[in-house]
Amino acid sequence: MTTVMKISPQGQIRIPRKFMATLGLEAGDYIEALLEGDHIALKPRKLIDPSQGWYWTKEWQEAEKEVDGEVERGEVSPTFQKAEEGMEWLKK
């Protein structure tokens, strides 16, 4: 999918609606511009609150996948009604 756009006097371009729809972009989203040789590539970027960055680390995401597998295989603890029951289960 290609299109030709005109650069405004302020150096701005308008992203075609069909591109935005395809990429799930909305007004206010962020775009990263990469200079690659003799052309510019635009890449959608989602900003992450710095306090939540840990969740998106490679290590954390690998652990999430591991836990999802454990849940799918039924390798989880039983449900406890009281914290004491859980503590007793852990001691076993």
PDB file of N, CA and C in Angstrom:
ATOM      1  N   MET A   1       0.853  -1.166   0.000  1.00  0.00           N
ATOM      2  CA  MET A   1       0.000   0.000   0.000  1.00  0.00           C
ATOM      3  C   MET A   1       0.903   1.235   0.000  1.00  0.00           C
ATOM      4  N   THR A   2       0.778   2.075  -0.996  1.00  0.00           N
ATOM      5  CA  THR A   2       1.574   3.299  -1.068  1.00  0.00           C
ATOM      6  C   THR A   2       0.673   4.486  -1.349  1.00  0.00           C
ATOM      7  N   THR A   3       1.155   5.659  -1.019  1.00  0.00           N
ATOM      8  CA  THR A   3       0.456   6.902  -1.319  1.00  0.00           C
ATOM      9  C   THR A   3       1.476   8.035  -1.336  1.00  0.00           C
ATOM     10  N   VAL A   4       1.151   9.101  -2.024  1.00  0.00           N
ATOM     11  CA  VAL A   4       2.016  10.277  -2.086  1.00  0.00           C
ATOM     12  C   VAL A   4       1.379  11.367  -1.244  1.00  0.00           C
ATOM     13  N   MET A   5       2.186  12.000  -0.383  1.00  0.00           N
ATOM     14  CA  MET A   5       1.694  13.063   0.485  1.00  0.00           C
ATOM     15  C   MET A   5       2.532  14.313   0.269  1.00  0.00           C
ATOM     16  N   LYS A   6       1.913  15.469   0.474  1.00  0.00           N
ATOM     17  CA  LYS A   6       2.616  16.743   0.335  1.00  0.00           C
ATOM     18  C   LYS A   6       3.064  17.216   1.711  1.00  0.00           C
ATOM     19  N   ILE A   7       4.311  17.694   1.789  1.00  0.00           N
ATOM     20  CA  ILE A   7       4.844  18.220   3.054  1.00  0.00           C
ATOM     21  C   ILE A   7       4.376  19.664   3.201  1.00  0.00           C
ATOM     22  N   SER A   8       3.800  19.986   4.358  1.00  0.00           N
ATOM     23  CA  SER A   8       3.319  21.343   4.614  1.00  0.00           C
ATOM     24  C   SER A   8       4.495  22.284   4.861  1.00  0.00           C
ATOM     25  N   PRO A   9       4.267  23.595   4.828  1.00  0.00           N
ATOM     26  CA  PRO A   9       5.343  24.549   5.125  1.00  0.00           C
ATOM     27  C   PRO A   9       5.963  24.334   6.513  1.00  0.00           C
ATOM     28  N   GLN A  10       5.224  23.720   7.432  1.00  0.00           N
ATOM     29  CA  GLN A  10       5.731  23.427   8.770  1.00  0.00           C
ATOM     30  C   GLN A  10       6.463  22.083   8.833  1.00  0.00           C
ATOM     31  N   GLY A  11       6.591  21.413   7.683  1.00  0.00           N
ATOM     32  CA  GLY A  11       7.276  20.122   7.647  1.00  0.00           C
ATOM     33  C   GLY A  11       6.396  18.962   8.062  1.00  0.00           C
ATOM     34  N   GLN A  12       5.085  19.145   8.036  1.00  0.00           N
ATOM     35  CA  GLN A  12       4.164  18.101   8.470  1.00  0.00           C
ATOM     36  C   GLN A  12       3.586  17.339   7.277  1.00  0.00           C
ATOM     37  N   ILE A  13       3.203  16.097   7.532  1.00  0.00           N
ATOM     38  CA  ILE A  13       2.473  15.296   6.549  1.00  0.00           C
ATOM     39  C   ILE A  13       1.222  14.764   7.223  1.00  0.00           C
ATOM     40  N   ARG A  14       0.265  14.356   6.430  1.00  0.00           N
ATOM     41  CA  ARG A  14      -0.972  13.771   6.946  1.00  0.00           C
ATOM     42  C   ARG A  14      -0.942  12.279   6.631  1.00  0.00           C
ATOM     43  N   ILE A  15      -1.158  11.461   7.634  1.00  0.00           N
ATOM     44  CA  ILE A  15      -1.166  10.007   7.422  1.00  0.00           C
ATOM     45  C   ILE A  15      -2.552   9.622   6.891  1.00  0.00           C
ATOM     46  N   PRO A  16      -2.612   8.937   5.755  1.00  0.00           N
ATOM     47  CA  PRO A  16      -3.907   8.559   5.184  1.00  0.00           C
ATOM     48  C   PRO A  16      -4.742   7.716   6.142  1.00  0.00           C
ATOM     49  N   ARG A  17      -6.048   7.919   6.089  1.00  0.00           N
ATOM     50  CA  ARG A  17      -6.975   7.182   6.968  1.00  0.00           C
ATOM     51  C   ARG A  17      -6.848   5.680   6.817  1.00  0.00           C
ATOM     52  N   LYS A  18      -6.639   5.222   5.581  1.00  0.00           N
ATOM     53  CA  LYS A  18      -6.540   3.773   5.374  1.00  0.00           C
ATOM     54  C   LYS A  18      -5.310   3.203   6.099  1.00  0.00           C
ATOM     55  N   PHE A  19      -4.221   3.979   6.165  1.00  0.00           N
ATOM     56  CA  PHE A  19      -3.041   3.538   6.899  1.00  0.00           C
ATOM     57  C   PHE A  19      -3.352   3.503   8.391  1.00  0.00           C
ATOM     58  N   MET A  20      -3.991   4.565   8.874  1.00  0.00           N
ATOM     59  CA  MET A  20      -4.305   4.633  10.304  1.00  0.00           C
ATOM     60  C   MET A  20      -5.229   3.488  10.718  1.00  0.00           C
ATOM     61  N   ALA A  21      -6.223   3.212   9.881  1.00  0.00           N
ATOM     62  CA  ALA A  21      -7.163   2.128  10.193  1.00  0.00           C
ATOM     63  C   ALA A  21      -6.446   0.782  10.206  1.00  0.00           C
ATOM     64  N   THR A  22      -5.601   0.550   9.223  1.00  0.00           N
ATOM     65  CA  THR A  22      -4.874  -0.719   9.135  1.00  0.00           C
ATOM     66  C   THR A  22      -3.981  -0.937  10.349  1.00  0.00           C
ATOM     67  N   LEU A  23      -3.341   0.146  10.823  1.00  0.00           N
ATOM     68  CA  LEU A  23      -2.404   0.039  11.941  1.00  0.00           C
ATOM     69  C   LEU A  23      -3.059   0.281  13.304  1.00  0.00           C
ATOM     70  N   GLY A  24      -4.342   0.585  13.312  1.00  0.00           N
ATOM     71  CA  GLY A  24      -5.029   0.832  14.579  1.00  0.00           C
ATOM     72  C   GLY A  24      -4.590   2.126  15.248  1.00  0.00           C
ATOM     73  N   LEU A  25      -4.229   3.120  14.433  1.00  0.00           N
ATOM     74  CA  LEU A  25      -3.765   4.401  14.978  1.00  0.00           C
ATOM     75  C   LEU A  25      -4.933   5.360  15.160  1.00  0.00           C
ATOM     76  N   GLU A  26      -4.776   6.227  16.148  1.00  0.00           N
ATOM     77  CA  GLU A  26      -5.778   7.265  16.408  1.00  0.00           C
ATOM     78  C   GLU A  26      -5.073   8.583  16.598  1.00  0.00           C
ATOM     79  N   ALA A  27      -5.824   9.668  16.458  1.00  0.00           N
ATOM     80  CA  ALA A  27      -5.257  10.993  16.709  1.00  0.00           C
ATOM     81  C   ALA A  27      -4.674  11.016  18.114  1.00  0.00           C
ATOM     82  N   GLY A  28      -3.478  11.564  18.254  1.00  0.00           N
ATOM     83  CA  GLY A  28      -2.819  11.624  19.553  1.00  0.00           C
ATOM     84  C   GLY A  28      -1.822  10.503  19.782  1.00  0.00           C
ATOM     85  N   ASP A  29      -1.869   9.443  18.950  1.00  0.00           N
ATOM     86  CA  ASP A  29      -0.879   8.371  19.075  1.00  0.00           C
ATOM     87  C   ASP A  29       0.488   8.893  18.633  1.00  0.00           C
ATOM     88  N   TYR A  30       1.518   8.146  18.927  1.00  0.00           N
ATOM     89  CA  TYR A  30       2.880   8.535  18.600  1.00  0.00           C
ATOM     90  C   TYR A  30       3.422   7.702  17.437  1.00  0.00           C
ATOM     91  N   ILE A  31       4.292   8.339  16.655  1.00  0.00           N
ATOM     92  CA  ILE A  31       4.952   7.705  15.524  1.00  0.00           C
ATOM     93  C   ILE A  31       6.449   7.935  15.660  1.00  0.00           C
ATOM     94  N   GLU A  32       7.236   6.902  15.454  1.00  0.00           N
ATOM     95  CA  GLU A  32       8.688   7.030  15.436  1.00  0.00           C
ATOM     96  C   GLU A  32       9.121   7.166  13.981  1.00  0.00           C
ATOM     97  N   ALA A  33       9.977   8.149  13.693  1.00  0.00           N
ATOM     98  CA  ALA A  33      10.513   8.339  12.347  1.00  0.00           C
ATOM     99  C   ALA A  33      11.945   7.825  12.317  1.00  0.00           C
ATOM    100  N   LEU A  34      12.228   6.920  11.385  1.00  0.00           N
ATOM    101  CA  LEU A  34      13.563   6.344  11.257  1.00  0.00           C
ATOM    102  C   LEU A  34      14.131   6.722   9.898  1.00  0.00           C
ATOM    103  N   LEU A  35      15.342   7.267   9.885  1.00  0.00           N
ATOM    104  CA  LEU A  35      16.022   7.574   8.637  1.00  0.00           C
ATOM    105  C   LEU A  35      16.793   6.329   8.230  1.00  0.00           C
ATOM    106  N   GLU A  36      16.406   5.740   7.110  1.00  0.00           N
ATOM    107  CA  GLU A  36      17.017   4.500   6.619  1.00  0.00           C
ATOM    108  C   GLU A  36      17.576   4.752   5.225  1.00  0.00           C
ATOM    109  N   GLY A  37      18.852   5.123   5.190  1.00  0.00           N
ATOM    110  CA  GLY A  37      19.483   5.415   3.899  1.00  0.00           C
ATOM    111  C   GLY A  37      18.871   6.656   3.283  1.00  0.00           C
ATOM    112  N   ASP A  38      18.205   6.460   2.135  1.00  0.00           N
ATOM    113  CA  ASP A  38      17.614   7.599   1.441  1.00  0.00           C
ATOM    114  C   ASP A  38      16.103   7.696   1.611  1.00  0.00           C
ATOM    115  N   HIS A  39      15.561   7.016   2.637  1.00  0.00           N
ATOM    116  CA  HIS A  39      14.119   7.126   2.864  1.00  0.00           C
ATOM    117  C   HIS A  39      13.801   7.195   4.359  1.00  0.00           C
ATOM    118  N   ILE A  40      12.580   7.578   4.648  1.00  0.00           N
ATOM    119  CA  ILE A  40      12.103   7.706   6.030  1.00  0.00           C
ATOM    120  C   ILE A  40      11.065   6.613   6.272  1.00  0.00           C
ATOM    121  N   ALA A  41      11.221   5.889   7.353  1.00  0.00           N
ATOM    122  CA  ALA A  41      10.234   4.881   7.751  1.00  0.00           C
ATOM    123  C   ALA A  41       9.503   5.406   8.982  1.00  0.00           C
ATOM    124  N   LEU A  42       8.194   5.264   9.001  1.00  0.00           N
ATOM    125  CA  LEU A  42       7.386   5.669  10.147  1.00  0.00           C
ATOM    126  C   LEU A  42       6.895   4.415  10.853  1.00  0.00           C
ATOM    127  N   LYS A  43       7.042   4.388  12.169  1.00  0.00           N
ATOM    128  CA  LYS A  43       6.692   3.203  12.941  1.00  0.00           C
ATOM    129  C   LYS A  43       5.811   3.623  14.120  1.00  0.00           C
ATOM    130  N   PRO A  44       4.623   3.007  14.275  1.00  0.00           N
ATOM    131  CA  PRO A  44       3.779   3.342  15.427  1.00  0.00           C
ATOM    132  C   PRO A  44       4.489   3.018  16.731  1.00  0.00           C
ATOM    133  N   ARG A  45       4.326   3.869  17.719  1.00  0.00           N
ATOM    134  CA  ARG A  45       4.931   3.657  19.035  1.00  0.00           C
ATOM    135  C   ARG A  45       3.869   3.832  20.102  1.00  0.00           C
ATOM    136  N   LYS A  46       3.834   2.919  21.041  1.00  0.00           N
ATOM    137  CA  LYS A  46       2.962   3.040  22.201  1.00  0.00           C
ATOM    138  C   LYS A  46       3.848   3.393  23.381  1.00  0.00           C
ATOM    139  N   LEU A  47       3.527   4.476  24.049  1.00  0.00           N
ATOM    140  CA  LEU A  47       4.331   4.892  25.192  1.00  0.00           C
ATOM    141  C   LEU A  47       3.881   4.142  26.435  1.00  0.00           C
ATOM    142  N   ILE A  48       4.831   3.779  27.254  1.00  0.00           N
ATOM    143  CA  ILE A  48       4.570   3.023  28.478  1.00  0.00           C
ATOM    144  C   ILE A  48       4.931   3.899  29.661  1.00  0.00           C
ATOM    145  N   ASP A  49       4.044   3.949  30.618  1.00  0.00           N
ATOM    146  CA  ASP A  49       4.319   4.671  31.860  1.00  0.00           C
ATOM    147  C   ASP A  49       5.587   4.068  32.468  1.00  0.00           C
ATOM    148  N   PRO A  50       6.580   4.903  32.800  1.00  0.00           N
ATOM    149  CA  PRO A  50       7.838   4.373  33.344  1.00  0.00           C
ATOM    150  C   PRO A  50       7.664   3.459  34.553  1.00  0.00           C
ATOM    151  N   SER A  51       6.631   3.713  35.361  1.00  0.00           N
ATOM    152  CA  SER A  51       6.421   2.864  36.537  1.00  0.00           C
ATOM    153  C   SER A  51       5.928   1.468  36.148  1.00  0.00           C
ATOM    154  N   GLN A  52       5.499   1.290  34.897  1.00  0.00           N
ATOM    155  CA  GLN A  52       5.013  -0.009  34.429  1.00  0.00           C
ATOM    156  C   GLN A  52       5.991  -0.688  33.464  1.00  0.00           C
ATOM    157  N   GLY A  53       7.149  -0.071  33.246  1.00  0.00           N
ATOM    158  CA  GLY A  53       8.117  -0.592  32.289  1.00  0.00           C
ATOM    159  C   GLY A  53       8.614  -1.988  32.614  1.00  0.00           C
ATOM    160  N   TRP A  54       8.698  -2.328  33.890  1.00  0.00           N
ATOM    161  CA  TRP A  54       9.173  -3.656  34.294  1.00  0.00           C
ATOM    162  C   TRP A  54       8.360  -4.760  33.636  1.00  0.00           C
ATOM    163  N   TYR A  55       7.062  -4.523  33.463  1.00  0.00           N
ATOM    164  CA  TYR A  55       6.177  -5.550  32.922  1.00  0.00           C
ATOM    165  C   TYR A  55       6.568  -5.923  31.493  1.00  0.00           C
ATOM    166  N   TRP A  56       7.136  -4.980  30.763  1.00  0.00           N
ATOM    167  CA  TRP A  56       7.436  -5.200  29.357  1.00  0.00           C
ATOM    168  C   TRP A  56       8.872  -5.635  29.106  1.00  0.00           C
ATOM    169  N   THR A  57       9.629  -5.931  30.177  1.00  0.00           N
ATOM    170  CA  THR A  57      10.987  -6.421  29.982  1.00  0.00           C
ATOM    171  C   THR A  57      10.934  -7.844  29.421  1.00  0.00           C
ATOM    172  N   LYS A  58      11.994  -8.238  28.735  1.00  0.00           N
ATOM    173  CA  LYS A  58      12.053  -9.578  28.149  1.00  0.00           C
ATOM    174  C   LYS A  58      11.908 -10.646  29.228  1.00  0.00           C
ATOM    175  N   GLU A  59      12.586 -10.444  30.354  1.00  0.00           N
ATOM    176  CA  GLU A  59      12.543 -11.432  31.445  1.00  0.00           C
ATOM    177  C   GLU A  59      11.125 -11.605  31.978  1.00  0.00           C
ATOM    178  N   TRP A  60      10.433 -10.479  32.189  1.00  0.00           N
ATOM    179  CA  TRP A  60       9.086 -10.565  32.754  1.00  0.00           C
ATOM    180  C   TRP A  60       8.135 -11.234  31.763  1.00  0.00           C
ATOM    181  N   GLN A  61       8.242 -10.892  30.493  1.00  0.00           N
ATOM    182  CA  GLN A  61       7.363 -11.486  29.494  1.00  0.00           C
ATOM    183  C   GLN A  61       7.616 -12.987  29.353  1.00  0.00           C
ATOM    184  N   GLU A  62       8.873 -13.420  29.470  1.00  0.00           N
ATOM    185  CA  GLU A  62       9.175 -14.858  29.432  1.00  0.00           C
ATOM    186  C   GLU A  62       8.547 -15.558  30.635  1.00  0.00           C
ATOM    187  N   ALA A  63       8.618 -14.918  31.805  1.00  0.00           N
ATOM    188  CA  ALA A  63       8.009 -15.496  33.008  1.00  0.00           C
ATOM    189  C   ALA A  63       6.489 -15.566  32.853  1.00  0.00           C
ATOM    190  N   GLU A  64       5.893 -14.551  32.242  1.00  0.00           N
ATOM    191  CA  GLU A  64       4.445 -14.563  32.002  1.00  0.00           C
ATOM    192  C   GLU A  64       4.053 -15.748  31.124  1.00  0.00           C
ATOM    193  N   LYS A  65       4.838 -15.999  30.063  1.00  0.00           N
ATOM    194  CA  LYS A  65       4.556 -17.127  29.172  1.00  0.00           C
ATOM    195  C   LYS A  65       4.684 -18.452  29.916  1.00  0.00           C
ATOM    196  N   GLU A  66       5.689 -18.550  30.785  1.00  0.00           N
ATOM    197  CA  GLU A  66       5.891 -19.773  31.568  1.00  0.00           C
ATOM    198  C   GLU A  66       4.699 -20.025  32.486  1.00  0.00           C
ATOM    199  N   VAL A  67       4.251 -18.983  33.146  1.00  0.00           N
ATOM    200  CA  VAL A  67       3.104 -19.114  34.059  1.00  0.00           C
ATOM    201  C   VAL A  67       1.843 -19.463  33.276  1.00  0.00           C
ATOM    202  N   ASP A  68       1.644 -18.841  32.108  1.00  0.00           N
ATOM    203  CA  ASP A  68       0.472 -19.181  31.293  1.00  0.00           C
ATOM    204  C   ASP A  68       0.468 -20.666  30.957  1.00  0.00           C
ATOM    205  N   GLY A  69       1.646 -21.213  30.648  1.00  0.00           N
ATOM    206  CA  GLY A  69       1.748 -22.642  30.365  1.00  0.00           C
ATOM    207  C   GLY A  69       1.407 -23.489  31.572  1.00  0.00           C
ATOM    208  N   GLU A  70       1.874 -23.068  32.744  1.00  0.00           N
ATOM    209  CA  GLU A  70       1.563 -23.795  33.974  1.00  0.00           C
ATOM    210  C   GLU A  70       0.061 -23.802  34.241  1.00  0.00           C
ATOM    211  N   VAL A  71      -0.582 -22.667  34.017  1.00  0.00           N
ATOM    212  CA  VAL A  71      -2.027 -22.574  34.221  1.00  0.00           C
ATOM    213  C   VAL A  71      -2.744 -23.500  33.240  1.00  0.00           C
ATOM    214  N   GLU A  72      -2.345 -23.474  31.964  1.00  0.00           N
ATOM    215  CA  GLU A  72      -2.964 -24.344  30.952  1.00  0.00           C
ATOM    216  C   GLU A  72      -2.815 -25.826  31.306  1.00  0.00           C
ATOM    217  N   ARG A  73      -1.687 -26.189  31.892  1.00  0.00           N
ATOM    218  CA  ARG A  73      -1.439 -27.590  32.260  1.00  0.00           C
ATOM    219  C   ARG A  73      -2.038 -27.946  33.625  1.00  0.00           C
ATOM    220  N   GLY A  74      -2.664 -26.984  34.283  1.00  0.00           N
ATOM    221  CA  GLY A  74      -3.273 -27.249  35.584  1.00  0.00           C
ATOM    222  C   GLY A  74      -2.276 -27.340  36.721  1.00  0.00           C
ATOM    223  N   GLU A  75      -1.095 -26.790  36.518  1.00  0.00           N
ATOM    224  CA  GLU A  75      -0.048 -26.844  37.543  1.00  0.00           C
ATOM    225  C   GLU A  75      -0.145 -25.631  38.477  1.00  0.00           C
ATOM    226  N   VAL A  76      -1.302 -25.466  39.068  1.00  0.00           N
ATOM    227  CA  VAL A  76      -1.511 -24.333  39.980  1.00  0.00           C
ATOM    228  C   VAL A  76      -2.004 -24.844  41.329  1.00  0.00           C
ATOM    229  N   SER A  77      -1.899 -23.994  42.316  1.00  0.00           N
ATOM    230  CA  SER A  77      -2.349 -24.385  43.659  1.00  0.00           C
ATOM    231  C   SER A  77      -3.869 -24.401  43.702  1.00  0.00           C
ATOM    232  N   PRO A  78      -4.426 -25.126  44.690  1.00  0.00           N
ATOM    233  CA  PRO A  78      -5.875 -25.086  44.867  1.00  0.00           C
ATOM    234  C   PRO A  78      -6.304 -23.709  45.380  1.00  0.00           C
ATOM    235  N   THR A  79      -7.598 -23.472  45.388  1.00  0.00           N
ATOM    236  CA  THR A  79      -8.139 -22.216  45.910  1.00  0.00           C
ATOM    237  C   THR A  79      -8.285 -22.342  47.424  1.00  0.00           C
ATOM    238  N   PHE A  80      -7.884 -21.304  48.134  1.00  0.00           N
ATOM    239  CA  PHE A  80      -7.962 -21.298  49.591  1.00  0.00           C
ATOM    240  C   PHE A  80      -8.960 -20.247  50.055  1.00  0.00           C
ATOM    241  N   GLN A  81      -9.673 -20.560  51.132  1.00  0.00           N
ATOM    242  CA  GLN A  81     -10.631 -19.615  51.693  1.00  0.00           C
ATOM    243  C   GLN A  81      -9.959 -18.677  52.692  1.00  0.00           C
ATOM    244  N   LYS A  82      -8.886 -19.146  53.309  1.00  0.00           N
ATOM    245  CA  LYS A  82      -8.190 -18.334  54.314  1.00  0.00           C
ATOM    246  C   LYS A  82      -6.693 -18.390  54.037  1.00  0.00           C
ATOM    247  N   ALA A  83      -6.001 -17.336  54.417  1.00  0.00           N
ATOM    248  CA  ALA A  83      -4.553 -17.270  54.224  1.00  0.00           C
ATOM    249  C   ALA A  83      -3.851 -18.413  54.945  1.00  0.00           C
ATOM    250  N   GLU A  84      -4.358 -18.803  56.085  1.00  0.00           N
ATOM    251  CA  GLU A  84      -3.740 -19.876  56.850  1.00  0.00           C
ATOM    252  C   GLU A  84      -3.732 -21.189  56.070  1.00  0.00           C
ATOM    253  N   GLU A  85      -4.825 -21.446  55.328  1.00  0.00           N
ATOM    254  CA  GLU A  85      -4.884 -22.649  54.513  1.00  0.00           C
ATOM    255  C   GLU A  85      -3.779 -22.627  53.457  1.00  0.00           C
ATOM    256  N   GLY A  86      -3.574 -21.477  52.844  1.00  0.00           N
ATOM    257  CA  GLY A  86      -2.518 -21.336  51.857  1.00  0.00           C
ATOM    258  C   GLY A  86      -1.146 -21.529  52.465  1.00  0.00           C
ATOM    259  N   MET A  87      -0.931 -21.004  53.626  1.00  0.00           N
ATOM    260  CA  MET A  87       0.353 -21.149  54.316  1.00  0.00           C
ATOM    261  C   MET A  87       0.611 -22.632  54.624  1.00  0.00           C
ATOM    262  N   GLU A  88      -0.395 -23.336  55.060  1.00  0.00           N
ATOM    263  CA  GLU A  88      -0.244 -24.759  55.362  1.00  0.00           C
ATOM    264  C   GLU A  88       0.079 -25.548  54.096  1.00  0.00           C
ATOM    265  N   TRP A  89      -0.579 -25.195  52.995  1.00  0.00           N
ATOM    266  CA  TRP A  89      -0.319 -25.865  51.722  1.00  0.00           C
ATOM    267  C   TRP A  89       1.129 -25.641  51.281  1.00  0.00           C
ATOM    268  N   LEU A  90       1.627 -24.404  51.455  1.00  0.00           N
ATOM    269  CA  LEU A  90       2.986 -24.083  51.068  1.00  0.00           C
ATOM    270  C   LEU A  90       4.024 -24.847  51.899  1.00  0.00           C
ATOM    271  N   LYS A  91       3.696 -25.114  53.165  1.00  0.00           N
ATOM    272  CA  LYS A  91       4.639 -25.816  54.046  1.00  0.00           C
ATOM    273  C   LYS A  91       4.794 -27.293  53.668  1.00  0.00           C
ATOM    274  N   LYS A  92       3.829 -27.839  52.964  1.00  0.00           N
ATOM    275  CA  LYS A  92       3.867 -29.259  52.591  1.00  0.00           C
ATOM    276  C   LYS A  92       4.895 -29.527  51.529  1.00  0.00           C
TER     277      LYS A  92
END
